[in-house]
Amino acid sequence: MTRNLESIGKQKGTNIANKTVLITGANRGIGRALVEEALKRGAKRVYAGARVPMQPFDVRVTPVTLDVTSASQINRAVAGVDTLDVSSITQASPSTTISVTSK
């Protein structure tokens, strides 16, 4: 998994420095590690989506209540996010592949 985290931002020219990103599953495990990695790589703002929002540990982290299986929560999250440079860094479970999607 460490190799995958190190490659975030390097795949297909994706650079998250000075960008705003949304990370789902951000309150623990891989999602939390992705939030930390995005901050290390210089993201200017990280929307941290989770069913139970995390306590922000950095001024650049904005917690977002987001259960990706709930249409109403997705709609609320969309309404609450100003703009995104990287549309999502997602992981559905520890056994899935991390996906990085750019605008």
Protein backbone atom coordinates (compact mmCIF):
# COMPACT_ATOMS: atom_id res chain seq x y z
CA MET A 1 0.00 0.00 0.00
CA THR A 2 2.87 2.41 0.69
CA ARG A 3 3.87 2.27 -2.95
CA ASN A 4 0.33 3.24 -3.99
CA LEU A 5 0.27 6.23 -1.61
CA GLU A 6 3.65 7.40 -2.86
CA SER A 7 2.40 7.28 -6.45
CA ILE A 8 -0.62 9.53 -5.78
CA GLY A 9 -0.04 12.79 -7.59
CA LYS A 10 2.49 11.21 -9.94
CA GLN A 11 0.07 9.13 -11.99
CA LYS A 12 -0.81 10.60 -15.37
CA GLY A 13 0.66 13.96 -14.42
CA THR A 14 -1.78 14.57 -11.57
CA ASN A 15 -0.33 17.16 -9.22
CA ILE A 16 -2.28 18.13 -6.12
CA ALA A 17 0.00 20.91 -4.88
CA ASN A 18 -2.08 24.09 -4.37
CA LYS A 19 -5.25 22.25 -5.36
CA THR A 20 -8.52 21.44 -3.65
CA VAL A 21 -9.36 17.75 -3.34
CA LEU A 22 -12.16 15.55 -2.02
CA ILE A 23 -11.28 12.31 -0.27
CA THR A 24 -13.96 9.81 0.70
CA GLY A 25 -13.65 7.43 3.63
CA ALA A 26 -11.40 10.04 5.21
CA ASN A 27 -11.98 9.41 8.90
CA ARG A 28 -9.77 6.31 9.26
CA GLY A 29 -7.49 3.80 7.59
CA ILE A 30 -6.56 4.36 3.97
CA GLY A 31 -8.81 7.41 3.67
CA ARG A 32 -7.12 9.10 6.64
CA ALA A 33 -3.70 8.26 5.17
CA LEU A 34 -4.78 9.82 1.86
CA VAL A 35 -5.80 13.04 3.67
CA GLU A 36 -2.40 13.18 5.35
CA GLU A 37 -0.60 12.47 2.07
CA ALA A 38 -2.58 15.15 0.22
CA LEU A 39 -1.54 17.67 2.87
CA LYS A 40 2.10 16.56 2.65
CA ARG A 41 1.92 17.06 -1.11
CA GLY A 42 0.74 20.63 -0.64
CA ALA A 43 -3.02 20.47 -1.23
CA LYS A 44 -4.46 23.88 -0.38
CA ARG A 45 -7.75 22.38 0.84
CA VAL A 46 -8.91 18.83 1.53
CA TYR A 47 -12.60 18.04 1.83
CA ALA A 48 -12.58 14.95 4.06
CA GLY A 49 -15.75 12.96 3.40
CA ALA A 50 -16.94 10.26 5.78
CA ARG A 51 -20.13 8.89 7.31
CA VAL A 52 -18.85 10.17 10.65
CA PRO A 53 -16.78 13.29 9.89
CA MET A 54 -13.28 13.50 11.28
CA GLN A 55 -12.05 16.19 13.61
CA PRO A 56 -9.87 18.49 11.48
CA PHE A 57 -6.22 18.28 12.48
CA ASP A 58 -5.07 20.92 9.98
CA VAL A 59 -6.65 24.23 8.93
CA ARG A 60 -6.73 22.97 5.32
CA VAL A 61 -9.06 20.05 6.20
CA THR A 62 -12.82 20.57 5.88
CA PRO A 63 -14.89 17.66 7.25
CA VAL A 64 -17.87 16.65 5.09
CA THR A 65 -20.63 14.26 6.17
CA LEU A 66 -20.72 11.87 3.25
CA ASP A 67 -22.03 8.35 2.91
CA VAL A 68 -21.46 7.58 -0.76
CA THR A 69 -24.42 5.18 -0.73
CA SER A 70 -26.85 7.99 0.22
CA ALA A 71 -28.12 10.23 -2.59
CA SER A 72 -29.24 12.92 -0.12
CA GLN A 73 -25.81 13.07 1.54
CA ILE A 74 -24.11 13.21 -1.86
CA ASN A 75 -26.36 16.12 -2.85
CA ARG A 76 -25.62 17.95 0.44
CA ALA A 77 -21.89 17.40 -0.03
CA VAL A 78 -22.04 18.73 -3.59
CA ALA A 79 -23.88 21.83 -2.36
CA GLY A 80 -21.32 22.37 0.41
CA VAL A 81 -18.17 22.07 -1.68
CA ASP A 82 -17.13 25.31 -3.36
CA THR A 83 -14.84 23.99 -6.08
CA LEU A 84 -12.55 21.04 -6.74
CA ASP A 85 -9.33 20.78 -8.72
CA VAL A 86 -9.09 17.01 -8.20
CA SER A 87 -12.60 15.63 -8.24
CA SER A 88 -11.95 12.73 -5.93
CA ILE A 89 -9.49 10.44 -4.31
CA THR A 90 -11.57 7.48 -3.30
CA GLN A 91 -11.31 4.10 -1.71
CA ALA A 92 -14.33 1.95 -0.99
CA SER A 93 -12.69 -0.71 1.15
CA PRO A 94 -9.21 -1.92 2.06
CA SER A 95 -9.36 -4.45 -0.77
CA THR A 96 -10.15 -1.95 -3.53
CA THR A 97 -7.77 0.02 -5.70
CA ILE A 98 -7.31 3.70 -4.95
CA SER A 99 -8.68 5.92 -7.69
CA VAL A 100 -7.51 9.45 -8.48
CA THR A 101 -9.68 11.46 -10.84
CA SER A 102 -8.67 14.89 -12.15
CA LYS A 103 -10.75 17.56 -13.80
